[in-house]
């Protein structure tokens, strides 16, 4: 059973609307739905707990830059006694087309440095994740530059729909289980 949802992103305000902050955006929607606000954790993360289906669930954002997010996730999972398989990580993915959602029970980093950091710090790939497609960088633009760009006006509508769908997928995973969420949203 899932007990923690982590939305990945970069904390400074200037990155708020970038492609790399979709995990934060999904967490913001969840917080809005639950009418909750994050508070500082005892480490490099922000969190709040709530009850879903009679279980305590932690909603967490890393307080580190994306590439060091594993440190924040490790601190939060250790603090609240969360095993990797009880963790659901939400992040962007340039290997998926814009607007596409993919939910997996476990897996590799897929070139995502935030996931790489989490895998390294938890010493495990055995954690579920929701990946949100941002599409491949255009020719001549590095992946590092691309993920820190803001979405175009045309892309924003697709992104808004994907964020809503991702929020529903997370809620389905929390209430009915990961398999049900994968069946419905993959």
N, C-alpha and C. Protein backbone atom coordinates (compact mmCIF):
# COMPACT_ATOMS: atom_id res chain seq x y z
N UNK A 1 0.83 -1.20 0.00
CA UNK A 1 0.00 0.00 0.00
C UNK A 1 0.87 1.26 0.00
N UNK A 2 0.47 2.21 -0.81
CA UNK A 2 1.21 3.47 -0.87
C UNK A 2 0.97 4.28 0.40
N UNK A 3 2.05 4.92 0.89
CA UNK A 3 1.96 5.74 2.09
C UNK A 3 2.55 7.13 1.92
N UNK A 4 3.25 7.35 0.78
CA UNK A 4 3.87 8.65 0.55
C UNK A 4 3.84 8.97 -0.94
N UNK A 5 3.51 10.23 -1.26
CA UNK A 5 3.57 10.73 -2.63
C UNK A 5 4.58 11.86 -2.64
N UNK A 6 5.58 11.76 -3.51
CA UNK A 6 6.60 12.80 -3.65
C UNK A 6 6.47 13.43 -5.03
N UNK A 7 6.28 14.74 -5.06
CA UNK A 7 6.29 15.48 -6.31
C UNK A 7 7.64 16.13 -6.48
N UNK A 8 8.34 15.78 -7.58
CA UNK A 8 9.69 16.31 -7.81
C UNK A 8 9.66 17.63 -8.57
N UNK A 9 10.62 18.49 -8.23
CA UNK A 9 10.78 19.77 -8.91
C UNK A 9 12.00 20.49 -8.38
N UNK A 10 12.19 21.71 -8.85
CA UNK A 10 13.24 22.60 -8.37
C UNK A 10 12.57 23.69 -7.53
N UNK A 11 13.04 23.92 -6.28
CA UNK A 11 12.33 24.83 -5.39
C UNK A 11 12.35 26.33 -5.72
N UNK A 12 13.41 26.91 -6.28
CA UNK A 12 13.36 28.36 -6.46
C UNK A 12 12.18 28.80 -7.34
N UNK A 13 11.61 29.94 -7.00
CA UNK A 13 10.44 30.50 -7.70
C UNK A 13 10.65 30.58 -9.21
N UNK A 14 11.87 30.89 -9.65
CA UNK A 14 12.10 31.07 -11.09
C UNK A 14 11.88 29.78 -11.89
N UNK A 15 11.85 28.63 -11.22
CA UNK A 15 11.63 27.35 -11.92
C UNK A 15 10.19 26.87 -11.84
N UNK A 16 9.33 27.62 -11.17
CA UNK A 16 7.98 27.15 -10.87
C UNK A 16 7.20 26.70 -12.10
N UNK A 17 7.32 27.39 -13.21
CA UNK A 17 6.53 27.07 -14.40
C UNK A 17 7.30 26.27 -15.45
N UNK A 18 8.42 25.68 -15.07
CA UNK A 18 9.23 24.95 -16.05
C UNK A 18 8.78 23.50 -16.21
N UNK A 19 9.26 22.88 -17.27
CA UNK A 19 8.93 21.48 -17.58
C UNK A 19 9.35 20.54 -16.45
N UNK A 20 10.43 20.87 -15.80
CA UNK A 20 10.98 19.99 -14.75
C UNK A 20 10.15 20.01 -13.47
N UNK A 21 9.20 20.92 -13.36
CA UNK A 21 8.45 21.06 -12.11
C UNK A 21 7.05 20.46 -12.15
N UNK A 22 6.79 19.56 -13.07
CA UNK A 22 5.46 18.96 -13.16
C UNK A 22 5.11 18.13 -11.93
N UNK A 23 6.09 17.51 -11.31
CA UNK A 23 5.83 16.76 -10.07
C UNK A 23 5.32 17.69 -8.98
N UNK A 24 5.93 18.86 -8.86
CA UNK A 24 5.46 19.87 -7.91
C UNK A 24 4.01 20.27 -8.23
N UNK A 25 3.73 20.45 -9.53
CA UNK A 25 2.40 20.90 -9.95
C UNK A 25 1.32 19.88 -9.56
N UNK A 26 1.61 18.59 -9.74
CA UNK A 26 0.65 17.56 -9.35
C UNK A 26 0.44 17.59 -7.84
N UNK A 27 1.53 17.73 -7.10
CA UNK A 27 1.40 17.80 -5.64
C UNK A 27 0.58 19.03 -5.23
N UNK A 28 0.77 20.15 -5.92
CA UNK A 28 -0.01 21.35 -5.63
C UNK A 28 -1.51 21.08 -5.82
N UNK A 29 -1.86 20.35 -6.88
CA UNK A 29 -3.28 20.00 -7.11
C UNK A 29 -3.82 19.12 -5.99
N UNK A 30 -3.01 18.16 -5.56
CA UNK A 30 -3.43 17.29 -4.45
C UNK A 30 -3.63 18.11 -3.17
N UNK A 31 -2.70 19.00 -2.90
CA UNK A 31 -2.81 19.86 -1.71
C UNK A 31 -4.07 20.71 -1.77
N UNK A 32 -4.36 21.24 -2.96
CA UNK A 32 -5.56 22.04 -3.16
C UNK A 32 -6.82 21.20 -2.91
N UNK A 33 -6.83 19.98 -3.45
CA UNK A 33 -7.99 19.09 -3.27
C UNK A 33 -8.22 18.76 -1.80
N UNK A 34 -7.13 18.53 -1.07
CA UNK A 34 -7.23 18.20 0.36
C UNK A 34 -7.33 19.44 1.25
N UNK A 35 -7.15 20.64 0.64
CA UNK A 35 -7.13 21.90 1.38
C UNK A 35 -6.04 21.89 2.47
N UNK A 36 -4.84 21.52 2.03
CA UNK A 36 -3.70 21.41 2.94
C UNK A 36 -2.56 22.30 2.48
N UNK A 37 -1.65 22.60 3.40
CA UNK A 37 -0.42 23.34 3.09
C UNK A 37 0.77 22.56 3.62
N UNK A 38 1.87 22.62 2.87
CA UNK A 38 3.09 21.95 3.29
C UNK A 38 3.76 22.71 4.42
N UNK A 39 4.55 21.98 5.21
CA UNK A 39 5.39 22.61 6.23
C UNK A 39 6.79 22.02 6.09
N UNK A 40 7.77 22.72 6.63
CA UNK A 40 9.15 22.26 6.53
C UNK A 40 9.33 20.98 7.34
N UNK A 41 10.02 20.02 6.74
CA UNK A 41 10.36 18.79 7.44
C UNK A 41 11.68 18.94 8.16
N UNK A 42 12.08 17.91 8.86
CA UNK A 42 13.39 17.92 9.54
C UNK A 42 14.44 17.41 8.55
N UNK A 43 14.70 18.22 7.55
CA UNK A 43 15.63 17.86 6.48
C UNK A 43 15.33 18.72 5.27
N UNK A 44 15.73 18.23 4.11
CA UNK A 44 15.60 18.99 2.86
C UNK A 44 14.29 18.69 2.14
N UNK A 45 13.19 18.72 2.86
CA UNK A 45 11.89 18.42 2.24
C UNK A 45 10.78 19.19 2.96
N UNK A 46 9.65 19.26 2.28
CA UNK A 46 8.43 19.85 2.83
C UNK A 46 7.37 18.77 2.78
N UNK A 47 6.48 18.75 3.78
CA UNK A 47 5.50 17.66 3.83
C UNK A 47 4.23 18.09 4.54
N UNK A 48 3.23 17.27 4.39
CA UNK A 48 2.01 17.35 5.18
C UNK A 48 1.44 15.94 5.20
N UNK A 49 0.76 15.59 6.26
CA UNK A 49 0.12 14.28 6.30
C UNK A 49 -1.39 14.47 6.27
N UNK A 50 -2.06 13.48 5.70
CA UNK A 50 -3.52 13.48 5.63
C UNK A 50 -3.99 12.04 5.71
N UNK A 51 -5.28 11.86 5.81
CA UNK A 51 -5.81 10.51 5.87
C UNK A 51 -6.56 10.19 4.58
N UNK A 52 -6.26 9.02 4.01
CA UNK A 52 -6.94 8.53 2.81
C UNK A 52 -7.31 7.08 3.07
N UNK A 53 -8.60 6.77 2.97
CA UNK A 53 -9.07 5.40 3.20
C UNK A 53 -8.60 4.86 4.56
N UNK A 54 -8.59 5.73 5.56
CA UNK A 54 -8.21 5.31 6.91
C UNK A 54 -6.71 5.14 7.13
N UNK A 55 -5.90 5.50 6.12
CA UNK A 55 -4.44 5.39 6.24
C UNK A 55 -3.81 6.78 6.24
N UNK A 56 -2.74 6.93 7.03
CA UNK A 56 -2.00 8.19 7.00
C UNK A 56 -1.13 8.21 5.75
N UNK A 57 -1.27 9.28 4.97
CA UNK A 57 -0.52 9.47 3.73
C UNK A 57 0.29 10.75 3.86
N UNK A 58 1.55 10.70 3.43
CA UNK A 58 2.42 11.87 3.45
C UNK A 58 2.55 12.41 2.03
N UNK A 59 2.34 13.71 1.88
CA UNK A 59 2.56 14.41 0.62
C UNK A 59 3.84 15.22 0.80
N UNK A 60 4.79 15.04 -0.12
CA UNK A 60 6.15 15.58 0.07
C UNK A 60 6.66 16.25 -1.20
N UNK A 61 7.37 17.36 -1.02
CA UNK A 61 8.16 18.00 -2.08
C UNK A 61 9.61 18.03 -1.62
N UNK A 62 10.52 17.75 -2.54
CA UNK A 62 11.93 17.89 -2.22
C UNK A 62 12.25 19.38 -2.06
N UNK A 63 13.11 19.69 -1.11
CA UNK A 63 13.56 21.06 -0.90
C UNK A 63 14.93 21.30 -1.52
N UNK A 64 15.43 20.29 -2.20
CA UNK A 64 16.73 20.36 -2.88
C UNK A 64 16.48 20.63 -4.36
N UNK A 65 17.54 20.89 -5.09
CA UNK A 65 17.42 20.90 -6.55
C UNK A 65 17.12 19.48 -7.02
N UNK A 66 16.51 19.38 -8.18
CA UNK A 66 16.08 18.10 -8.73
C UNK A 66 17.17 17.03 -8.67
N UNK A 67 18.37 17.38 -9.10
CA UNK A 67 19.44 16.38 -9.21
C UNK A 67 19.91 15.84 -7.87
N UNK A 68 19.55 16.50 -6.77
CA UNK A 68 19.88 16.01 -5.43
C UNK A 68 18.63 15.56 -4.67
N UNK A 69 17.54 15.35 -5.37
CA UNK A 69 16.26 15.05 -4.70
C UNK A 69 16.28 13.74 -3.92
N UNK A 70 17.17 12.83 -4.26
CA UNK A 70 17.26 11.56 -3.53
C UNK A 70 17.58 11.77 -2.06
N UNK A 71 18.38 12.77 -1.77
CA UNK A 71 18.73 13.09 -0.38
C UNK A 71 17.47 13.47 0.40
N UNK A 72 16.62 14.31 -0.19
CA UNK A 72 15.38 14.74 0.46
C UNK A 72 14.42 13.56 0.63
N UNK A 73 14.31 12.73 -0.41
CA UNK A 73 13.41 11.58 -0.36
C UNK A 73 13.88 10.59 0.71
N UNK A 74 15.19 10.36 0.78
CA UNK A 74 15.72 9.46 1.81
C UNK A 74 15.39 9.99 3.21
N UNK A 75 15.61 11.28 3.42
CA UNK A 75 15.31 11.88 4.74
C UNK A 75 13.83 11.70 5.10
N UNK A 76 12.95 11.95 4.15
CA UNK A 76 11.50 11.84 4.42
C UNK A 76 11.09 10.39 4.65
N UNK A 77 11.60 9.47 3.83
CA UNK A 77 11.21 8.06 4.00
C UNK A 77 11.74 7.50 5.32
N UNK A 78 12.94 7.90 5.70
CA UNK A 78 13.48 7.45 6.99
C UNK A 78 12.69 8.04 8.16
N UNK A 79 12.35 9.31 8.07
CA UNK A 79 11.61 9.98 9.15
C UNK A 79 10.26 9.31 9.39
N UNK A 80 9.56 8.92 8.31
CA UNK A 80 8.20 8.40 8.43
C UNK A 80 8.11 6.88 8.26
N UNK A 81 9.27 6.21 8.19
CA UNK A 81 9.28 4.76 8.10
C UNK A 81 8.64 4.21 6.84
N UNK A 82 8.94 4.82 5.71
CA UNK A 82 8.35 4.43 4.42
C UNK A 82 9.33 3.55 3.65
N UNK A 83 8.86 2.39 3.19
CA UNK A 83 9.66 1.50 2.34
C UNK A 83 9.55 1.98 0.89
N UNK A 84 10.55 1.66 0.04
CA UNK A 84 10.48 2.10 -1.36
C UNK A 84 9.17 1.75 -2.06
N UNK A 85 8.64 0.56 -1.83
CA UNK A 85 7.40 0.16 -2.51
C UNK A 85 6.16 0.90 -2.00
N UNK A 86 6.31 1.66 -0.90
CA UNK A 86 5.20 2.46 -0.35
C UNK A 86 5.26 3.92 -0.81
N UNK A 87 6.22 4.21 -1.67
CA UNK A 87 6.51 5.56 -2.14
C UNK A 87 6.03 5.69 -3.58
N UNK A 88 5.35 6.79 -3.91
CA UNK A 88 4.96 7.08 -5.28
C UNK A 88 5.61 8.40 -5.67
N UNK A 89 6.49 8.36 -6.68
CA UNK A 89 7.21 9.55 -7.13
C UNK A 89 6.55 10.07 -8.41
N UNK A 90 6.30 11.36 -8.47
CA UNK A 90 5.69 12.01 -9.63
C UNK A 90 6.72 12.96 -10.24
N UNK A 91 6.99 12.78 -11.54
CA UNK A 91 8.03 13.60 -12.19
C UNK A 91 7.76 13.75 -13.69
N UNK A 92 8.51 14.67 -14.30
CA UNK A 92 8.46 14.87 -15.75
C UNK A 92 9.26 13.77 -16.45
N UNK A 93 9.03 13.60 -17.76
CA UNK A 93 9.78 12.62 -18.54
C UNK A 93 9.83 13.07 -20.00
N UNK A 94 11.03 13.39 -20.50
CA UNK A 94 11.13 13.82 -21.89
C UNK A 94 11.13 12.65 -22.86
N UNK A 95 11.15 11.43 -22.36
CA UNK A 95 11.05 10.26 -23.24
C UNK A 95 9.60 9.94 -23.60
N UNK A 96 8.66 10.64 -22.99
CA UNK A 96 7.24 10.47 -23.32
C UNK A 96 6.75 11.71 -24.07
N UNK A 97 5.85 11.51 -25.03
CA UNK A 97 5.29 12.67 -25.74
C UNK A 97 4.56 13.61 -24.79
N UNK A 98 4.52 14.87 -25.13
CA UNK A 98 3.82 15.86 -24.32
C UNK A 98 2.38 15.40 -24.08
N UNK A 99 1.97 15.39 -22.81
CA UNK A 99 0.61 15.03 -22.45
C UNK A 99 0.41 13.57 -22.10
N UNK A 100 1.39 12.72 -22.38
CA UNK A 100 1.28 11.28 -22.11
C UNK A 100 1.67 11.00 -20.66
N UNK A 101 0.93 10.11 -20.04
CA UNK A 101 1.15 9.72 -18.64
C UNK A 101 1.57 8.26 -18.62
N UNK A 102 2.54 7.91 -17.80
CA UNK A 102 2.91 6.51 -17.64
C UNK A 102 3.16 6.21 -16.17
N UNK A 103 2.50 5.15 -15.70
CA UNK A 103 2.64 4.72 -14.31
C UNK A 103 3.35 3.39 -14.31
N UNK A 104 4.37 3.26 -13.48
CA UNK A 104 5.13 2.01 -13.37
C UNK A 104 5.32 1.65 -11.91
N UNK A 105 5.40 0.34 -11.64
CA UNK A 105 5.63 -0.14 -10.27
C UNK A 105 7.07 0.04 -9.84
N UNK A 106 7.98 0.02 -10.81
CA UNK A 106 9.42 0.15 -10.52
C UNK A 106 10.11 0.38 -11.85
N UNK A 107 11.42 0.56 -11.80
CA UNK A 107 12.15 0.72 -13.06
C UNK A 107 13.40 1.54 -12.91
N UNK A 108 14.03 1.76 -14.04
CA UNK A 108 15.29 2.51 -14.07
C UNK A 108 14.99 4.01 -14.05
N UNK A 109 16.04 4.79 -14.10
CA UNK A 109 15.93 6.25 -14.08
C UNK A 109 15.43 6.80 -15.40
N UNK A 110 15.66 6.09 -16.51
CA UNK A 110 15.24 6.56 -17.82
C UNK A 110 15.85 7.89 -18.20
N UNK A 111 17.07 8.17 -17.71
CA UNK A 111 17.73 9.43 -18.03
C UNK A 111 17.32 10.60 -17.14
N UNK A 112 16.46 10.36 -16.18
CA UNK A 112 15.98 11.43 -15.29
C UNK A 112 16.90 11.51 -14.07
N UNK A 113 17.57 12.64 -13.92
CA UNK A 113 18.57 12.77 -12.85
C UNK A 113 17.96 12.79 -11.45
N UNK A 114 16.72 13.25 -11.32
CA UNK A 114 16.04 13.19 -10.03
C UNK A 114 15.77 11.75 -9.63
N UNK A 115 15.28 10.95 -10.58
CA UNK A 115 15.06 9.52 -10.30
C UNK A 115 16.38 8.82 -10.03
N UNK A 116 17.41 9.20 -10.79
CA UNK A 116 18.75 8.61 -10.57
C UNK A 116 19.20 8.86 -9.13
N UNK A 117 19.00 10.07 -8.64
CA UNK A 117 19.39 10.42 -7.28
C UNK A 117 18.58 9.62 -6.25
N UNK A 118 17.29 9.46 -6.50
CA UNK A 118 16.45 8.69 -5.57
C UNK A 118 16.89 7.23 -5.56
N UNK A 119 17.12 6.66 -6.73
CA UNK A 119 17.57 5.26 -6.83
C UNK A 119 18.88 5.09 -6.07
N UNK A 120 19.80 6.04 -6.24
CA UNK A 120 21.09 5.98 -5.55
C UNK A 120 20.91 6.05 -4.03
N UNK A 121 20.15 7.03 -3.55
CA UNK A 121 20.01 7.23 -2.10
C UNK A 121 19.18 6.14 -1.43
N UNK A 122 18.15 5.63 -2.10
CA UNK A 122 17.35 4.55 -1.52
C UNK A 122 17.98 3.18 -1.78
N UNK A 123 18.98 3.16 -2.67
CA UNK A 123 19.62 1.91 -3.09
C UNK A 123 18.56 0.92 -3.60
N UNK A 124 17.62 1.46 -4.37
CA UNK A 124 16.51 0.63 -4.87
C UNK A 124 15.83 1.30 -6.06
N UNK A 125 15.42 0.47 -7.02
CA UNK A 125 14.57 0.92 -8.12
C UNK A 125 13.13 0.49 -7.88
N UNK A 126 12.89 -0.12 -6.74
CA UNK A 126 11.60 -0.78 -6.45
C UNK A 126 10.57 0.19 -5.89
N UNK A 127 10.46 1.37 -6.47
CA UNK A 127 9.42 2.31 -6.04
C UNK A 127 8.58 2.72 -7.25
N UNK A 128 7.26 2.83 -7.05
CA UNK A 128 6.38 3.24 -8.14
C UNK A 128 6.61 4.70 -8.52
N UNK A 129 6.25 5.00 -9.78
CA UNK A 129 6.38 6.37 -10.24
C UNK A 129 5.32 6.69 -11.28
N UNK A 130 4.93 7.96 -11.32
CA UNK A 130 4.06 8.50 -12.35
C UNK A 130 4.92 9.46 -13.14
N UNK A 131 5.08 9.16 -14.44
CA UNK A 131 5.92 10.00 -15.30
C UNK A 131 5.03 10.79 -16.24
N UNK A 132 5.31 12.08 -16.34
CA UNK A 132 4.50 12.99 -17.14
C UNK A 132 5.30 13.45 -18.35
N UNK A 133 4.77 13.17 -19.54
CA UNK A 133 5.48 13.46 -20.77
C UNK A 133 5.62 14.93 -21.08
N UNK A 134 6.86 15.33 -21.38
CA UNK A 134 7.13 16.71 -21.80
C UNK A 134 7.68 16.74 -23.23
N UNK A 135 7.87 15.56 -23.83
CA UNK A 135 8.39 15.50 -25.20
C UNK A 135 9.90 15.69 -25.25
N UNK A 136 10.46 15.31 -26.39
CA UNK A 136 11.91 15.42 -26.59
C UNK A 136 12.33 16.86 -26.84
N UNK A 137 13.54 17.21 -26.44
CA UNK A 137 14.04 18.55 -26.75
C UNK A 137 14.18 18.73 -28.26
N UNK A 138 13.92 19.93 -28.76
CA UNK A 138 14.13 20.18 -30.19
C UNK A 138 15.61 20.10 -30.54
N UNK A 139 15.90 19.90 -31.80
CA UNK A 139 17.29 19.82 -32.27
C UNK A 139 18.06 21.07 -31.82
N UNK A 140 19.26 20.84 -31.33
CA UNK A 140 20.12 21.94 -30.91
C UNK A 140 19.91 22.42 -29.48
N UNK A 141 18.93 21.83 -28.78
CA UNK A 141 18.67 22.21 -27.38
C UNK A 141 19.01 21.01 -26.49
N UNK A 142 19.88 21.23 -25.51
CA UNK A 142 20.26 20.13 -24.61
C UNK A 142 19.09 19.78 -23.70
N UNK A 143 19.11 18.56 -23.19
CA UNK A 143 18.07 18.11 -22.25
C UNK A 143 18.06 19.01 -21.02
N UNK A 144 19.26 19.39 -20.55
CA UNK A 144 19.37 20.24 -19.36
C UNK A 144 18.70 21.60 -19.57
N UNK A 145 18.88 22.18 -20.76
CA UNK A 145 18.24 23.46 -21.07
C UNK A 145 16.73 23.29 -21.23
N UNK A 146 16.35 22.23 -21.94
CA UNK A 146 14.95 21.99 -22.28
C UNK A 146 14.06 21.85 -21.04
N UNK A 147 14.52 21.06 -20.07
CA UNK A 147 13.67 20.81 -18.88
C UNK A 147 13.49 22.07 -18.03
N UNK A 148 14.36 23.06 -18.22
CA UNK A 148 14.25 24.31 -17.45
C UNK A 148 13.51 25.40 -18.22
N UNK A 149 13.00 25.05 -19.42
CA UNK A 149 12.19 26.00 -20.20
C UNK A 149 10.75 25.97 -19.72
N UNK A 150 10.06 27.08 -19.97
CA UNK A 150 8.63 27.14 -19.68
C UNK A 150 7.86 26.60 -20.89
N UNK A 151 6.62 26.18 -20.65
CA UNK A 151 5.78 25.67 -21.72
C UNK A 151 5.26 26.82 -22.58
N UNK A 152 5.07 26.54 -23.87
CA UNK A 152 4.47 27.53 -24.77
C UNK A 152 2.98 27.63 -24.46
N UNK A 153 2.33 28.65 -24.98
CA UNK A 153 0.89 28.81 -24.77
C UNK A 153 0.12 27.61 -25.30
N UNK A 154 0.53 27.09 -26.46
CA UNK A 154 -0.15 25.93 -27.05
C UNK A 154 0.00 24.70 -26.16
N UNK A 155 1.18 24.54 -25.57
CA UNK A 155 1.45 23.38 -24.73
C UNK A 155 0.71 23.43 -23.40
N UNK A 156 0.45 24.63 -22.90
CA UNK A 156 -0.13 24.78 -21.56
C UNK A 156 -1.49 24.09 -21.42
N UNK A 157 -2.30 24.08 -22.47
CA UNK A 157 -3.61 23.41 -22.40
C UNK A 157 -3.43 21.91 -22.24
N UNK A 158 -2.52 21.34 -23.02
CA UNK A 158 -2.22 19.91 -22.95
C UNK A 158 -1.68 19.57 -21.56
N UNK A 159 -0.80 20.41 -21.05
CA UNK A 159 -0.19 20.20 -19.74
C UNK A 159 -1.25 20.25 -18.64
N UNK A 160 -2.16 21.21 -18.71
CA UNK A 160 -3.22 21.33 -17.69
C UNK A 160 -4.07 20.06 -17.64
N UNK A 161 -4.41 19.52 -18.81
CA UNK A 161 -5.19 18.28 -18.87
C UNK A 161 -4.40 17.12 -18.29
N UNK A 162 -3.10 17.05 -18.62
CA UNK A 162 -2.25 15.98 -18.12
C UNK A 162 -2.12 16.07 -16.59
N UNK A 163 -1.98 17.26 -16.05
CA UNK A 163 -1.86 17.43 -14.60
C UNK A 163 -3.12 16.96 -13.89
N UNK A 164 -4.28 17.28 -14.43
CA UNK A 164 -5.55 16.82 -13.85
C UNK A 164 -5.62 15.29 -13.88
N UNK A 165 -5.25 14.72 -15.01
CA UNK A 165 -5.26 13.26 -15.16
C UNK A 165 -4.27 12.62 -14.19
N UNK A 166 -3.11 13.23 -14.03
CA UNK A 166 -2.10 12.70 -13.10
C UNK A 166 -2.61 12.75 -11.67
N UNK A 167 -3.29 13.83 -11.31
CA UNK A 167 -3.86 13.95 -9.97
C UNK A 167 -4.89 12.84 -9.74
N UNK A 168 -5.73 12.58 -10.73
CA UNK A 168 -6.71 11.49 -10.64
C UNK A 168 -6.01 10.14 -10.52
N UNK A 169 -4.92 9.97 -11.28
CA UNK A 169 -4.17 8.71 -11.24
C UNK A 169 -3.57 8.48 -9.85
N UNK A 170 -3.03 9.52 -9.25
CA UNK A 170 -2.46 9.41 -7.90
C UNK A 170 -3.57 9.07 -6.90
N UNK A 171 -4.69 9.75 -6.99
CA UNK A 171 -5.80 9.47 -6.06
C UNK A 171 -6.32 8.04 -6.24
N UNK A 172 -6.38 7.58 -7.48
CA UNK A 172 -6.80 6.19 -7.73
C UNK A 172 -5.81 5.22 -7.12
N UNK A 173 -4.52 5.51 -7.28
CA UNK A 173 -3.48 4.65 -6.69
C UNK A 173 -3.60 4.62 -5.17
N UNK A 174 -3.91 5.75 -4.56
CA UNK A 174 -4.03 5.82 -3.10
C UNK A 174 -5.28 5.12 -2.59
N UNK A 175 -6.36 5.19 -3.35
CA UNK A 175 -7.64 4.64 -2.87
C UNK A 175 -7.89 3.21 -3.33
N UNK A 176 -7.57 2.91 -4.59
CA UNK A 176 -7.89 1.59 -5.17
C UNK A 176 -6.67 0.74 -5.45
N UNK A 177 -5.49 1.34 -5.35
CA UNK A 177 -4.25 0.60 -5.58
C UNK A 177 -3.58 0.96 -6.89
N UNK A 178 -2.29 0.68 -6.94
CA UNK A 178 -1.47 1.02 -8.10
C UNK A 178 -1.92 0.29 -9.35
N UNK A 179 -2.26 -0.99 -9.23
CA UNK A 179 -2.69 -1.78 -10.40
C UNK A 179 -3.91 -1.16 -11.05
N UNK A 180 -4.86 -0.76 -10.25
CA UNK A 180 -6.09 -0.13 -10.77
C UNK A 180 -5.75 1.18 -11.47
N UNK A 181 -4.86 1.96 -10.89
CA UNK A 181 -4.45 3.22 -11.49
C UNK A 181 -3.73 2.98 -12.82
N UNK A 182 -2.86 1.98 -12.86
CA UNK A 182 -2.14 1.65 -14.09
C UNK A 182 -3.13 1.22 -15.18
N UNK A 183 -4.09 0.39 -14.81
CA UNK A 183 -5.08 -0.09 -15.77
C UNK A 183 -5.90 1.07 -16.35
N UNK A 184 -6.25 2.00 -15.51
CA UNK A 184 -7.13 3.10 -15.92
C UNK A 184 -6.40 4.21 -16.66
N UNK A 185 -5.14 4.50 -16.29
CA UNK A 185 -4.48 5.70 -16.81
C UNK A 185 -3.31 5.45 -17.75
N UNK A 186 -2.78 4.23 -17.83
CA UNK A 186 -1.67 3.97 -18.76
C UNK A 186 -2.18 3.85 -20.18
